[in-house]
């Protein structure tokens, strides 16, 4: 459903507009209470804010940890999928969060890929048809107080390689 909506919206809007507004109107993402506030033209930088409000305030009066975690979950995967294009498969392999301090105010996250990282990913995929990368980032306050540190492990491959991998696994399961 989301893929079809993106395809239709892409006929009328730029990729950065589709990314930003698509996420911000998506019921799935709205429930996290996160809001995408900025997407660079090349999609390499995405900024997210999570306000402290009645929708995500926990028993202690701080931002619920689940809101912090879920607002970060789909961003790198979607961002990298759009940067690399339809010939690639991108999957979250693992996510970790380390809560450092209670989020007592609006939280901010920057998701960033450098041109060098993108080139390295493409090179690794060209050499071995797949790669795994790790992205470390933080959720911070306006004053740079760290609320949480996160680590995302992401699997990337060509569609061709992934399709063969899935078929092999399905074959093993059936036998």
C-alpha atoms as a PDB file:
ATOM      1  CA  UNK A   1       0.000   0.000   0.000  1.00  0.00           C
ATOM      2  CA  UNK A   2       2.718   2.503   0.968  1.00  0.00           C
ATOM      3  CA  UNK A   3       4.839   1.614  -2.069  1.00  0.00           C
ATOM      4  CA  UNK A   4       1.873   2.227  -4.385  1.00  0.00           C
ATOM      5  CA  UNK A   5       1.177   5.596  -2.703  1.00  0.00           C
ATOM      6  CA  UNK A   6       4.822   6.603  -3.104  1.00  0.00           C
ATOM      7  CA  UNK A   7       4.761   5.645  -6.785  1.00  0.00           C
ATOM      8  CA  UNK A   8       1.671   7.788  -7.399  1.00  0.00           C
ATOM      9  CA  UNK A   9       2.915  10.766  -5.345  1.00  0.00           C
ATOM     10  CA  UNK A  10       6.296  10.617  -7.138  1.00  0.00           C
ATOM     11  CA  UNK A  11       4.577  11.634 -10.373  1.00  0.00           C
ATOM     12  CA  UNK A  12       3.695  15.004  -8.874  1.00  0.00           C
ATOM     13  CA  UNK A  13       6.249  15.707  -6.145  1.00  0.00           C
ATOM     14  CA  UNK A  14      10.017  15.507  -5.628  1.00  0.00           C
ATOM     15  CA  UNK A  15      11.452  12.517  -3.721  1.00  0.00           C
ATOM     16  CA  UNK A  16      12.208  14.711  -0.698  1.00  0.00           C
ATOM     17  CA  UNK A  17       8.612  16.009  -0.597  1.00  0.00           C
ATOM     18  CA  UNK A  18       7.214  12.501  -0.923  1.00  0.00           C
ATOM     19  CA  UNK A  19       9.516  11.277   1.861  1.00  0.00           C
ATOM     20  CA  UNK A  20       8.705  14.110   4.267  1.00  0.00           C
ATOM     21  CA  UNK A  21       4.989  14.503   3.712  1.00  0.00           C
ATOM     22  CA  UNK A  22       4.399  10.812   3.097  1.00  0.00           C
ATOM     23  CA  UNK A  23       5.805   9.939   6.500  1.00  0.00           C
ATOM     24  CA  UNK A  24       4.114  12.822   8.254  1.00  0.00           C
ATOM     25  CA  UNK A  25       0.640  11.891   7.001  1.00  0.00           C
ATOM     26  CA  UNK A  26       1.110   8.128   7.325  1.00  0.00           C
ATOM     27  CA  UNK A  27      -1.001   6.727  10.184  1.00  0.00           C
ATOM     28  CA  UNK A  28       1.794   4.259  10.946  1.00  0.00           C
ATOM     29  CA  UNK A  29       4.361   7.003  11.507  1.00  0.00           C
ATOM     30  CA  UNK A  30       2.010   9.558  13.079  1.00  0.00           C
ATOM     31  CA  UNK A  31       1.376   7.129  15.950  1.00  0.00           C
ATOM     32  CA  UNK A  32       5.075   7.289  16.874  1.00  0.00           C
ATOM     33  CA  UNK A  33       4.592  11.045  17.534  1.00  0.00           C
ATOM     34  CA  UNK A  34       7.728  11.733  15.467  1.00  0.00           C
ATOM     35  CA  UNK A  35       7.641  14.347  12.702  1.00  0.00           C
ATOM     36  CA  UNK A  36      10.051  14.672   9.830  1.00  0.00           C
ATOM     37  CA  UNK A  37      11.064  18.331   9.721  1.00  0.00           C
ATOM     38  CA  UNK A  38      13.724  18.332   6.996  1.00  0.00           C
ATOM     39  CA  UNK A  39      14.877  16.177   4.090  1.00  0.00           C
ATOM     40  CA  UNK A  40      17.852  17.225   1.967  1.00  0.00           C
ATOM     41  CA  UNK A  41      17.519  17.308  -1.834  1.00  0.00           C
ATOM     42  CA  UNK A  42      19.701  14.200  -2.227  1.00  0.00           C
ATOM     43  CA  UNK A  43      17.894  12.464   0.698  1.00  0.00           C
ATOM     44  CA  UNK A  44      21.206  12.061   2.562  1.00  0.00           C
ATOM     45  CA  UNK A  45      20.004  14.033   5.600  1.00  0.00           C
ATOM     46  CA  UNK A  46      16.686  13.596   7.381  1.00  0.00           C
ATOM     47  CA  UNK A  47      15.788  15.452  10.583  1.00  0.00           C
ATOM     48  CA  UNK A  48      13.115  14.191  12.968  1.00  0.00           C
ATOM     49  CA  UNK A  49      11.574  15.842  16.018  1.00  0.00           C
ATOM     50  CA  UNK A  50       9.600  14.152  18.776  1.00  0.00           C
ATOM     51  CA  UNK A  51       7.639  16.602  20.924  1.00  0.00           C
ATOM     52  CA  UNK A  52       6.777  15.889  24.537  1.00  0.00           C
ATOM     53  CA  UNK A  53       2.988  15.906  24.569  1.00  0.00           C
ATOM     54  CA  UNK A  54      -0.052  14.108  25.952  1.00  0.00           C
ATOM     55  CA  UNK A  55       0.212  11.395  23.276  1.00  0.00           C
ATOM     56  CA  UNK A  56       3.652  10.175  24.358  1.00  0.00           C
ATOM     57  CA  UNK A  57       4.038  11.337  27.965  1.00  0.00           C
ATOM     58  CA  UNK A  58       4.677   8.379  30.258  1.00  0.00           C
ATOM     59  CA  UNK A  59       3.878   7.903  33.949  1.00  0.00           C
ATOM     60  CA  UNK A  60       7.002   9.897  34.911  1.00  0.00           C
ATOM     61  CA  UNK A  61       6.086  12.830  32.665  1.00  0.00           C
ATOM     62  CA  UNK A  62       8.833  12.185  30.093  1.00  0.00           C
ATOM     63  CA  UNK A  63       8.684  10.926  26.499  1.00  0.00           C
ATOM     64  CA  UNK A  64       7.740   7.243  26.434  1.00  0.00           C
ATOM     65  CA  UNK A  65      10.733   5.148  25.366  1.00  0.00           C
ATOM     66  CA  UNK A  66       8.621   3.323  22.793  1.00  0.00           C
ATOM     67  CA  UNK A  67       7.893   6.625  21.055  1.00  0.00           C
ATOM     68  CA  UNK A  68      11.602   7.444  20.944  1.00  0.00           C
ATOM     69  CA  UNK A  69      12.434   4.041  19.495  1.00  0.00           C
ATOM     70  CA  UNK A  70       9.555   3.727  17.024  1.00  0.00           C
ATOM     71  CA  UNK A  71      10.050   7.238  15.611  1.00  0.00           C
ATOM     72  CA  UNK A  72      13.599   6.236  14.600  1.00  0.00           C
ATOM     73  CA  UNK A  73      12.820   2.745  13.321  1.00  0.00           C
ATOM     74  CA  UNK A  74      11.794   3.210   9.659  1.00  0.00           C
ATOM     75  CA  UNK A  75      13.907   6.208   8.704  1.00  0.00           C
ATOM     76  CA  UNK A  76      17.306   4.759   7.724  1.00  0.00           C
ATOM     77  CA  UNK A  77      15.683   1.860   5.858  1.00  0.00           C
ATOM     78  CA  UNK A  78      13.408   4.118   3.813  1.00  0.00           C
ATOM     79  CA  UNK A  79      16.084   6.745   3.309  1.00  0.00           C
ATOM     80  CA  UNK A  80      18.626   4.229   2.001  1.00  0.00           C
ATOM     81  CA  UNK A  81      16.015   2.463  -0.157  1.00  0.00           C
ATOM     82  CA  UNK A  82      15.194   5.746  -1.882  1.00  0.00           C
ATOM     83  CA  UNK A  83      18.852   6.731  -2.294  1.00  0.00           C
ATOM     84  CA  UNK A  84      19.867   3.379  -3.821  1.00  0.00           C
ATOM     85  CA  UNK A  85      16.756   2.832  -5.940  1.00  0.00           C
ATOM     86  CA  UNK A  86      14.530  -0.072  -6.930  1.00  0.00           C
ATOM     87  CA  UNK A  87      17.337  -2.472  -7.886  1.00  0.00           C
ATOM     88  CA  UNK A  88      18.257  -2.937  -4.222  1.00  0.00           C
ATOM     89  CA  UNK A  89      16.705  -4.533  -1.159  1.00  0.00           C
ATOM     90  CA  UNK A  90      17.219  -2.859   2.223  1.00  0.00           C
ATOM     91  CA  UNK A  91      16.196  -4.570   5.475  1.00  0.00           C
ATOM     92  CA  UNK A  92      16.663  -3.704   9.120  1.00  0.00           C
ATOM     93  CA  UNK A  93      18.585  -6.577  10.618  1.00  0.00           C
ATOM     94  CA  UNK A  94      18.903  -5.371  14.195  1.00  0.00           C
ATOM     95  CA  UNK A  95      18.144  -2.304  16.312  1.00  0.00           C
ATOM     96  CA  UNK A  96      19.419  -1.423  19.756  1.00  0.00           C
ATOM     97  CA  UNK A  97      18.616   1.486  22.033  1.00  0.00           C
ATOM     98  CA  UNK A  98      20.404   2.601  25.165  1.00  0.00           C
ATOM     99  CA  UNK A  99      18.323   5.053  27.186  1.00  0.00           C
ATOM    100  CA  UNK A 100      20.772   7.544  28.723  1.00  0.00           C
ATOM    101  CA  UNK A 101      18.557  10.218  30.333  1.00  0.00           C
ATOM    102  CA  UNK A 102      14.800  10.771  30.506  1.00  0.00           C
ATOM    103  CA  UNK A 103      13.520  12.809  27.567  1.00  0.00           C
ATOM    104  CA  UNK A 104      12.076  15.789  29.430  1.00  0.00           C
ATOM    105  CA  UNK A 105      11.690  18.029  26.356  1.00  0.00           C
ATOM    106  CA  UNK A 106      11.398  17.880  22.582  1.00  0.00           C
ATOM    107  CA  UNK A 107      13.801  15.326  21.113  1.00  0.00           C
ATOM    108  CA  UNK A 108      15.807  15.659  17.889  1.00  0.00           C
ATOM    109  CA  UNK A 109      17.401  13.071  15.611  1.00  0.00           C
ATOM    110  CA  UNK A 110      19.566  13.507  12.512  1.00  0.00           C
ATOM    111  CA  UNK A 111      19.782  10.592  10.070  1.00  0.00           C
ATOM    112  CA  UNK A 112      22.711  11.057   7.724  1.00  0.00           C
ATOM    113  CA  UNK A 113      24.505   9.225   4.940  1.00  0.00           C
ATOM    114  CA  UNK A 114      27.659  10.686   3.464  1.00  0.00           C
ATOM    115  CA  UNK A 115      28.475  10.362  -0.223  1.00  0.00           C
ATOM    116  CA  UNK A 116      31.432   8.175   0.819  1.00  0.00           C
ATOM    117  CA  UNK A 117      29.126   5.783   2.715  1.00  0.00           C
ATOM    118  CA  UNK A 118      26.808   5.445  -0.278  1.00  0.00           C
ATOM    119  CA  UNK A 119      29.757   4.815  -2.613  1.00  0.00           C
ATOM    120  CA  UNK A 120      31.192   2.224  -0.205  1.00  0.00           C
ATOM    121  CA  UNK A 121      27.826   0.427   0.001  1.00  0.00           C
ATOM    122  CA  UNK A 122      27.583   0.317  -3.794  1.00  0.00           C
ATOM    123  CA  UNK A 123      31.168  -0.963  -4.064  1.00  0.00           C
ATOM    124  CA  UNK A 124      30.592  -3.725  -1.500  1.00  0.00           C
ATOM    125  CA  UNK A 125      27.396  -4.794  -3.247  1.00  0.00           C
ATOM    126  CA  UNK A 126      29.154  -4.796  -6.617  1.00  0.00           C
ATOM    127  CA  UNK A 127      31.853  -7.068  -5.161  1.00  0.00           C
ATOM    128  CA  UNK A 128      29.695  -9.468  -3.124  1.00  0.00           C
ATOM    129  CA  UNK A 129      26.047  -8.646  -4.049  1.00  0.00           C
ATOM    130  CA  UNK A 130      25.265  -7.908  -0.390  1.00  0.00           C
ATOM    131  CA  UNK A 131      26.548  -5.967   2.582  1.00  0.00           C
ATOM    132  CA  UNK A 132      25.695  -5.158   6.163  1.00  0.00           C
ATOM    133  CA  UNK A 133      26.244  -1.696   7.590  1.00  0.00           C
ATOM    134  CA  UNK A 134      25.935  -0.294  11.101  1.00  0.00           C
ATOM    135  CA  UNK A 135      24.700   3.220  11.827  1.00  0.00           C
ATOM    136  CA  UNK A 136      25.134   4.763  15.277  1.00  0.00           C
ATOM    137  CA  UNK A 137      23.187   7.880  16.203  1.00  0.00           C
ATOM    138  CA  UNK A 138      21.680   9.715  19.170  1.00  0.00           C
ATOM    139  CA  UNK A 139      18.397  11.217  20.234  1.00  0.00           C
ATOM    140  CA  UNK A 140      19.186  14.601  21.770  1.00  0.00           C
ATOM    141  CA  UNK A 141      17.595  17.707  23.264  1.00  0.00           C
ATOM    142  CA  UNK A 142      17.802  21.207  21.809  1.00  0.00           C
ATOM    143  CA  UNK A 143      20.751  21.789  24.165  1.00  0.00           C
ATOM    144  CA  UNK A 144      22.533  18.610  22.945  1.00  0.00           C
ATOM    145  CA  UNK A 145      21.702  16.528  26.039  1.00  0.00           C
ATOM    146  CA  UNK A 146      21.728  12.878  24.933  1.00  0.00           C
ATOM    147  CA  UNK A 147      18.481  11.080  25.754  1.00  0.00           C
ATOM    148  CA  UNK A 148      19.324   7.821  23.985  1.00  0.00           C
ATOM    149  CA  UNK A 149      21.962   6.203  21.779  1.00  0.00           C
ATOM    150  CA  UNK A 150      20.908   3.871  19.002  1.00  0.00           C
ATOM    151  CA  UNK A 151      22.581   1.339  16.765  1.00  0.00           C
ATOM    152  CA  UNK A 152      20.959   0.100  13.546  1.00  0.00           C
ATOM    153  CA  UNK A 153      22.293  -2.872  11.609  1.00  0.00           C
ATOM    154  CA  UNK A 154      21.074  -2.819   8.017  1.00  0.00           C
ATOM    155  CA  UNK A 155      21.238  -5.538   5.333  1.00  0.00           C
ATOM    156  CA  UNK A 156      21.521  -4.390   1.708  1.00  0.00           C
ATOM    157  CA  UNK A 157      21.656  -6.500  -1.448  1.00  0.00           C
ATOM    158  CA  UNK A 158      20.683  -6.524  -5.075  1.00  0.00           C
ATOM    159  CA  UNK A 159      17.111  -7.652  -5.724  1.00  0.00           C
ATOM    160  CA  UNK A 160      18.463 -10.501  -7.830  1.00  0.00           C
ATOM    161  CA  UNK A 161      20.651 -11.803  -4.989  1.00  0.00           C
ATOM    162  CA  UNK A 162      17.886 -11.392  -2.429  1.00  0.00           C
ATOM    163  CA  UNK A 163      15.337 -13.249  -4.585  1.00  0.00           C
ATOM    164  CA  UNK A 164      17.748 -16.192  -4.930  1.00  0.00           C
ATOM    165  CA  UNK A 165      18.465 -16.119  -1.193  1.00  0.00           C
ATOM    166  CA  UNK A 166      14.757 -16.199  -0.321  1.00  0.00           C
ATOM    167  CA  UNK A 167      14.061 -19.012  -2.790  1.00  0.00           C
ATOM    168  CA  UNK A 168      16.896 -21.099  -1.292  1.00  0.00           C
ATOM    169  CA  UNK A 169      15.610 -20.557   2.242  1.00  0.00           C
ATOM    170  CA  UNK A 170      12.045 -21.427   1.215  1.00  0.00           C
ATOM    171  CA  UNK A 171      13.281 -24.560  -0.509  1.00  0.00           C
ATOM    172  CA  UNK A 172      15.095 -25.669   2.670  1.00  0.00           C
ATOM    173  CA  UNK A 173      11.996 -25.021   4.795  1.00  0.00           C
ATOM    174  CA  UNK A 174       9.837 -27.171   2.506  1.00  0.00           C
ATOM    175  CA  UNK A 175      12.272 -30.109   2.535  1.00  0.00           C
END
